N, C-alpha and C. Protein backbone atom coordinates (compact mmCIF):
# COMPACT_ATOMS: atom_id res chain seq x y z
N MET A 1 11.09 16.97 30.03
CA MET A 1 10.92 17.33 28.61
C MET A 1 10.20 16.16 27.93
N ASN A 2 9.16 16.49 27.19
CA ASN A 2 8.39 15.50 26.48
C ASN A 2 8.76 15.60 24.98
N ILE A 3 9.36 14.58 24.48
CA ILE A 3 9.76 14.58 23.06
C ILE A 3 8.82 13.69 22.30
N SER A 4 8.25 14.19 21.26
CA SER A 4 7.31 13.44 20.40
C SER A 4 8.08 12.98 19.13
N ILE A 5 8.12 11.68 19.00
CA ILE A 5 8.80 11.16 17.77
C ILE A 5 7.70 10.72 16.81
N ARG A 6 7.80 11.25 15.59
CA ARG A 6 6.80 10.97 14.58
C ARG A 6 7.45 10.07 13.52
N ASN A 7 7.31 8.76 13.71
CA ASN A 7 7.77 7.83 12.74
C ASN A 7 6.68 7.71 11.66
N SER A 8 6.97 8.04 10.44
CA SER A 8 5.97 7.94 9.40
C SER A 8 6.36 6.89 8.37
N ILE A 9 5.37 6.36 7.73
CA ILE A 9 5.57 5.40 6.64
C ILE A 9 4.73 5.83 5.47
N ARG A 10 5.06 5.30 4.32
CA ARG A 10 4.30 5.54 3.08
C ARG A 10 3.52 4.25 2.78
N VAL A 11 2.25 4.45 2.44
CA VAL A 11 1.37 3.31 2.12
C VAL A 11 0.71 3.61 0.75
N ALA A 12 0.74 2.65 -0.13
CA ALA A 12 0.07 2.75 -1.40
C ALA A 12 -1.31 2.13 -1.29
N VAL A 13 -2.30 2.75 -1.94
CA VAL A 13 -3.69 2.28 -1.88
C VAL A 13 -4.26 2.08 -3.32
N ALA A 14 -4.83 0.93 -3.53
CA ALA A 14 -5.52 0.68 -4.79
C ALA A 14 -7.02 0.98 -4.60
N THR A 15 -7.50 1.96 -5.34
CA THR A 15 -8.90 2.34 -5.22
C THR A 15 -9.50 2.68 -6.57
N LYS A 16 -10.82 2.41 -6.67
CA LYS A 16 -11.56 2.85 -7.85
C LYS A 16 -12.28 4.15 -7.58
N GLY A 17 -12.01 4.70 -6.42
CA GLY A 17 -12.66 5.96 -6.03
C GLY A 17 -13.56 5.82 -4.84
N GLY A 18 -14.17 6.93 -4.46
CA GLY A 18 -15.10 6.92 -3.33
C GLY A 18 -14.46 6.92 -1.97
N GLY A 19 -13.11 7.07 -1.93
CA GLY A 19 -12.41 7.08 -0.67
C GLY A 19 -12.33 5.73 -0.02
N ILE A 20 -12.44 4.66 -0.78
CA ILE A 20 -12.44 3.31 -0.25
C ILE A 20 -11.34 2.46 -0.90
N VAL A 21 -10.70 1.57 -0.13
CA VAL A 21 -9.81 0.59 -0.68
C VAL A 21 -10.72 -0.44 -1.36
N ASN A 22 -10.78 -0.43 -2.71
CA ASN A 22 -11.76 -1.26 -3.42
C ASN A 22 -11.32 -1.72 -4.79
N GLU A 23 -9.99 -1.84 -4.98
CA GLU A 23 -9.47 -2.24 -6.32
C GLU A 23 -8.56 -3.43 -6.15
N HIS A 24 -8.67 -4.35 -7.08
CA HIS A 24 -7.76 -5.50 -7.15
C HIS A 24 -6.40 -4.99 -7.60
N PHE A 25 -5.33 -5.51 -6.97
CA PHE A 25 -3.97 -5.08 -7.34
C PHE A 25 -3.72 -5.12 -8.84
N GLY A 26 -4.07 -6.20 -9.50
CA GLY A 26 -3.79 -6.38 -10.88
C GLY A 26 -4.58 -5.49 -11.83
N HIS A 27 -5.69 -4.93 -11.34
CA HIS A 27 -6.50 -4.07 -12.17
C HIS A 27 -6.22 -2.59 -11.95
N ALA A 28 -5.43 -2.23 -10.97
CA ALA A 28 -5.15 -0.83 -10.62
C ALA A 28 -4.46 -0.10 -11.75
N LYS A 29 -4.97 1.04 -12.08
CA LYS A 29 -4.36 1.96 -13.08
C LYS A 29 -3.54 3.02 -12.38
N GLU A 30 -3.72 3.14 -11.06
CA GLU A 30 -2.96 4.08 -10.26
C GLU A 30 -3.00 3.62 -8.81
N PHE A 31 -2.04 4.10 -8.07
CA PHE A 31 -2.00 3.88 -6.63
C PHE A 31 -1.92 5.22 -5.96
N GLN A 32 -2.78 5.42 -4.97
CA GLN A 32 -2.75 6.66 -4.17
C GLN A 32 -1.74 6.45 -3.06
N ILE A 33 -0.83 7.39 -2.87
CA ILE A 33 0.19 7.31 -1.87
C ILE A 33 -0.12 8.19 -0.70
N TYR A 34 -0.06 7.59 0.51
CA TYR A 34 -0.34 8.28 1.74
C TYR A 34 0.89 8.23 2.65
N GLU A 35 1.18 9.32 3.34
CA GLU A 35 2.15 9.41 4.38
C GLU A 35 1.38 9.29 5.70
N VAL A 36 1.73 8.28 6.50
CA VAL A 36 0.93 7.98 7.70
C VAL A 36 1.83 8.03 8.94
N ASP A 37 1.36 8.69 9.99
CA ASP A 37 2.06 8.59 11.28
C ASP A 37 1.00 8.45 12.36
N ASN A 38 1.39 8.56 13.59
CA ASN A 38 0.44 8.30 14.67
C ASN A 38 -0.61 9.40 14.82
N GLU A 39 -0.51 10.48 14.07
CA GLU A 39 -1.48 11.58 14.19
C GLU A 39 -2.34 11.79 12.96
N GLN A 40 -1.79 11.46 11.75
CA GLN A 40 -2.58 11.79 10.56
C GLN A 40 -2.14 10.94 9.40
N ALA A 41 -3.03 10.89 8.43
CA ALA A 41 -2.77 10.30 7.11
C ALA A 41 -2.88 11.41 6.08
N THR A 42 -1.81 11.64 5.39
CA THR A 42 -1.76 12.72 4.40
C THR A 42 -1.63 12.16 3.00
N PHE A 43 -2.57 12.52 2.12
CA PHE A 43 -2.49 12.14 0.73
C PHE A 43 -1.33 12.89 0.12
N LEU A 44 -0.43 12.15 -0.55
CA LEU A 44 0.71 12.82 -1.21
C LEU A 44 0.52 12.96 -2.73
N GLU A 45 0.17 11.84 -3.38
CA GLU A 45 0.06 11.88 -4.83
C GLU A 45 -0.58 10.58 -5.37
N SER A 46 -0.95 10.63 -6.60
CA SER A 46 -1.38 9.40 -7.33
C SER A 46 -0.26 9.04 -8.30
N ARG A 47 0.06 7.80 -8.32
CA ARG A 47 1.09 7.29 -9.27
C ARG A 47 0.43 6.38 -10.30
N GLN A 48 0.49 6.81 -11.56
CA GLN A 48 -0.10 6.07 -12.65
C GLN A 48 0.77 4.83 -12.97
N VAL A 49 0.08 3.71 -13.23
CA VAL A 49 0.77 2.45 -13.59
C VAL A 49 -0.04 1.80 -14.75
N ILE A 50 0.64 0.88 -15.40
CA ILE A 50 -0.03 0.03 -16.38
C ILE A 50 -0.56 -1.16 -15.60
N PRO A 51 -1.88 -1.44 -15.68
CA PRO A 51 -2.38 -2.59 -14.94
C PRO A 51 -1.64 -3.86 -15.18
N TYR A 52 -1.36 -4.59 -14.10
CA TYR A 52 -0.57 -5.78 -14.17
C TYR A 52 -1.32 -6.95 -14.82
N CYS A 53 -2.58 -7.09 -14.52
CA CYS A 53 -3.38 -8.23 -14.97
C CYS A 53 -3.84 -8.02 -16.37
N LYS A 54 -3.48 -8.94 -17.22
CA LYS A 54 -3.90 -8.89 -18.69
C LYS A 54 -4.66 -10.15 -19.03
N GLY A 55 -5.95 -10.17 -18.83
CA GLY A 55 -6.74 -11.28 -19.24
C GLY A 55 -6.36 -12.62 -18.59
N GLY A 56 -6.13 -12.61 -17.27
CA GLY A 56 -5.82 -13.88 -16.57
C GLY A 56 -4.37 -14.11 -16.31
N HIS A 57 -3.48 -13.35 -16.98
CA HIS A 57 -2.06 -13.57 -16.69
C HIS A 57 -1.41 -12.20 -16.45
N GLY A 58 -0.29 -12.24 -15.77
CA GLY A 58 0.42 -10.98 -15.43
C GLY A 58 1.43 -10.58 -16.48
N GLU A 59 1.59 -9.29 -16.62
CA GLU A 59 2.54 -8.72 -17.58
C GLU A 59 3.81 -8.31 -16.78
N GLN A 60 4.93 -8.98 -17.04
CA GLN A 60 6.16 -8.77 -16.28
C GLN A 60 6.65 -7.36 -16.31
N SER A 61 6.62 -6.69 -17.42
CA SER A 61 7.11 -5.31 -17.52
C SER A 61 6.22 -4.39 -16.70
N ALA A 62 4.92 -4.65 -16.65
CA ALA A 62 4.02 -3.88 -15.83
C ALA A 62 4.37 -4.07 -14.33
N MET A 63 4.65 -5.29 -13.93
CA MET A 63 5.04 -5.56 -12.55
C MET A 63 6.33 -4.84 -12.19
N ASP A 64 7.30 -4.87 -13.05
CA ASP A 64 8.57 -4.16 -12.77
C ASP A 64 8.32 -2.69 -12.58
N ASP A 65 7.43 -2.09 -13.42
CA ASP A 65 7.15 -0.69 -13.29
C ASP A 65 6.43 -0.38 -11.98
N ILE A 66 5.50 -1.22 -11.59
CA ILE A 66 4.76 -1.05 -10.34
C ILE A 66 5.75 -1.13 -9.14
N LEU A 67 6.59 -2.13 -9.18
CA LEU A 67 7.57 -2.30 -8.07
C LEU A 67 8.43 -1.09 -7.94
N GLN A 68 8.88 -0.52 -9.07
CA GLN A 68 9.73 0.66 -9.05
C GLN A 68 8.94 1.85 -8.49
N LYS A 69 7.68 2.03 -8.90
CA LYS A 69 6.87 3.15 -8.46
C LYS A 69 6.47 3.09 -7.00
N LEU A 70 6.42 1.89 -6.46
CA LEU A 70 6.03 1.70 -5.03
C LEU A 70 7.22 1.42 -4.11
N SER A 71 8.42 1.58 -4.63
CA SER A 71 9.61 1.17 -3.88
C SER A 71 9.82 1.92 -2.56
N ASP A 72 9.20 3.09 -2.41
CA ASP A 72 9.36 3.84 -1.14
C ASP A 72 8.20 3.60 -0.18
N CYS A 73 7.34 2.59 -0.52
CA CYS A 73 6.18 2.29 0.34
C CYS A 73 6.45 1.04 1.21
N THR A 74 5.88 1.07 2.36
CA THR A 74 6.00 -0.04 3.31
C THR A 74 4.96 -1.12 2.99
N ALA A 75 3.77 -0.65 2.50
CA ALA A 75 2.68 -1.59 2.24
C ALA A 75 1.89 -1.09 1.07
N VAL A 76 1.07 -2.01 0.50
CA VAL A 76 0.07 -1.65 -0.47
C VAL A 76 -1.23 -2.27 0.00
N LEU A 77 -2.25 -1.42 0.12
CA LEU A 77 -3.60 -1.89 0.52
C LEU A 77 -4.46 -2.09 -0.69
N VAL A 78 -5.01 -3.31 -0.80
CA VAL A 78 -5.75 -3.71 -1.97
C VAL A 78 -7.00 -4.49 -1.58
N LEU A 79 -7.95 -4.55 -2.47
CA LEU A 79 -9.16 -5.38 -2.23
C LEU A 79 -8.77 -6.83 -2.33
N LYS A 80 -8.07 -7.21 -3.37
CA LYS A 80 -7.62 -8.60 -3.62
C LYS A 80 -6.25 -8.60 -4.26
N ILE A 81 -5.51 -9.68 -4.06
CA ILE A 81 -4.21 -9.84 -4.69
C ILE A 81 -3.88 -11.33 -4.74
N GLY A 82 -3.25 -11.72 -5.82
CA GLY A 82 -2.85 -13.14 -5.97
C GLY A 82 -1.62 -13.45 -5.08
N THR A 83 -1.48 -14.70 -4.72
CA THR A 83 -0.39 -15.09 -3.83
C THR A 83 0.97 -14.91 -4.48
N SER A 84 1.08 -15.17 -5.76
CA SER A 84 2.40 -15.03 -6.40
C SER A 84 2.80 -13.56 -6.46
N VAL A 85 1.86 -12.68 -6.68
CA VAL A 85 2.13 -11.25 -6.71
C VAL A 85 2.50 -10.78 -5.29
N GLU A 86 1.73 -11.28 -4.31
CA GLU A 86 2.00 -10.95 -2.91
C GLU A 86 3.44 -11.35 -2.52
N ASP A 87 3.82 -12.53 -2.97
CA ASP A 87 5.17 -13.04 -2.67
C ASP A 87 6.24 -12.13 -3.35
N ARG A 88 5.93 -11.70 -4.55
CA ARG A 88 6.86 -10.85 -5.30
C ARG A 88 7.06 -9.51 -4.58
N LEU A 89 5.94 -8.93 -4.12
CA LEU A 89 6.04 -7.69 -3.34
C LEU A 89 6.84 -7.86 -2.04
N ARG A 90 6.62 -8.98 -1.39
CA ARG A 90 7.32 -9.24 -0.17
C ARG A 90 8.84 -9.31 -0.37
N THR A 91 9.28 -9.84 -1.50
CA THR A 91 10.72 -9.94 -1.79
C THR A 91 11.40 -8.61 -1.89
N VAL A 92 10.64 -7.52 -2.20
CA VAL A 92 11.19 -6.20 -2.28
C VAL A 92 10.84 -5.36 -1.06
N GLY A 93 10.26 -6.01 -0.02
CA GLY A 93 9.98 -5.30 1.23
C GLY A 93 8.69 -4.55 1.30
N ILE A 94 7.72 -4.90 0.45
CA ILE A 94 6.40 -4.28 0.50
C ILE A 94 5.38 -5.32 0.96
N GLU A 95 4.66 -4.98 2.00
CA GLU A 95 3.63 -5.88 2.53
C GLU A 95 2.31 -5.62 1.81
N ALA A 96 1.66 -6.70 1.34
CA ALA A 96 0.35 -6.57 0.70
C ALA A 96 -0.73 -6.85 1.77
N VAL A 97 -1.72 -5.94 1.86
CA VAL A 97 -2.76 -6.06 2.84
C VAL A 97 -4.09 -6.04 2.11
N GLN A 98 -4.89 -7.12 2.26
CA GLN A 98 -6.18 -7.19 1.64
C GLN A 98 -7.20 -6.61 2.62
N VAL A 99 -7.93 -5.62 2.16
CA VAL A 99 -8.85 -4.92 3.06
C VAL A 99 -9.92 -4.24 2.23
N TYR A 100 -11.12 -4.10 2.74
CA TYR A 100 -12.15 -3.29 2.14
C TYR A 100 -12.63 -2.31 3.23
N ASP A 101 -12.23 -1.08 3.11
CA ASP A 101 -12.55 -0.10 4.16
C ASP A 101 -12.31 1.31 3.64
N VAL A 102 -12.73 2.28 4.36
CA VAL A 102 -12.42 3.67 4.08
C VAL A 102 -10.89 3.84 4.11
N ILE A 103 -10.32 4.55 3.16
CA ILE A 103 -8.87 4.65 3.01
C ILE A 103 -8.21 5.10 4.35
N GLU A 104 -8.68 6.18 4.89
CA GLU A 104 -8.02 6.72 6.10
C GLU A 104 -8.08 5.73 7.25
N THR A 105 -9.19 5.02 7.41
CA THR A 105 -9.31 3.99 8.43
C THR A 105 -8.35 2.87 8.18
N ALA A 106 -8.25 2.41 6.94
CA ALA A 106 -7.38 1.29 6.57
C ALA A 106 -5.93 1.64 6.76
N VAL A 107 -5.49 2.83 6.37
CA VAL A 107 -4.08 3.15 6.50
C VAL A 107 -3.70 3.38 7.98
N PHE A 108 -4.60 3.97 8.77
CA PHE A 108 -4.36 4.09 10.22
C PHE A 108 -4.30 2.74 10.88
N ASP A 109 -5.22 1.84 10.54
CA ASP A 109 -5.19 0.50 11.11
C ASP A 109 -3.89 -0.20 10.80
N TYR A 110 -3.46 -0.10 9.54
CA TYR A 110 -2.20 -0.74 9.18
C TYR A 110 -1.03 -0.11 9.95
N TYR A 111 -1.03 1.19 10.02
CA TYR A 111 0.05 1.92 10.78
C TYR A 111 0.08 1.46 12.22
N GLN A 112 -1.08 1.41 12.87
CA GLN A 112 -1.12 1.03 14.30
C GLN A 112 -0.63 -0.39 14.48
N LYS A 113 -0.99 -1.29 13.55
CA LYS A 113 -0.51 -2.68 13.65
C LYS A 113 1.01 -2.74 13.44
N SER A 114 1.49 -2.00 12.47
CA SER A 114 2.91 -1.99 12.16
C SER A 114 3.70 -1.32 13.28
N TYR A 115 3.19 -0.19 13.74
CA TYR A 115 3.92 0.59 14.79
C TYR A 115 3.97 -0.18 16.08
N ARG A 116 2.90 -0.85 16.48
CA ARG A 116 2.85 -1.61 17.70
C ARG A 116 3.84 -2.79 17.60
N SER A 117 3.89 -3.44 16.46
CA SER A 117 4.80 -4.57 16.33
C SER A 117 6.28 -4.08 16.37
N GLU A 118 6.57 -2.87 15.84
CA GLU A 118 7.91 -2.33 15.92
C GLU A 118 8.24 -1.97 17.37
N GLU A 119 7.28 -1.42 18.11
CA GLU A 119 7.52 -1.04 19.50
C GLU A 119 7.79 -2.31 20.33
N ALA A 120 7.13 -3.41 20.03
CA ALA A 120 7.30 -4.63 20.76
C ALA A 120 8.73 -5.18 20.57
N LEU A 121 9.38 -4.86 19.44
CA LEU A 121 10.70 -5.35 19.17
C LEU A 121 11.75 -4.52 19.91
N VAL A 122 11.41 -3.33 20.34
CA VAL A 122 12.39 -2.44 20.99
C VAL A 122 12.55 -2.76 22.46
C-alpha cells in the first residue's frame, strides 16, 4: 500500500503584482496567502494590511495587525526586510525570506527547503 502524505504550509507573499515577489515588507498593503505542498501552490486569498513603514520608522499598531493577520503562516516572502522586523517575525514563529522570483517558484523553493529540513529531523 502506497500512502501519500501531503503536509502543507501557508506562505505569505509581498508583491506589487506581476506574479513576482517584489515588495518590501514595510511597504506592503496586502499579503497574498498561498497553501503549498509537495504537488502544488494554491492561492487562497489576499489579506489587506496597513503598511508598517511610515517614513523611515515602523508603526507598532501596524506591526501588531500584520502579525495577527499572518499568524497562520510559516513564512513571509519579501523583496527586502529590516533585521529588527525579521527578528520580530521570528519570535512569533514566522520565517522571513528575502527573494526576487516568480511567486510559484519562490513558494515551492521555500517549501522544498523547509520540507527537506523537516525530513532530515525525522
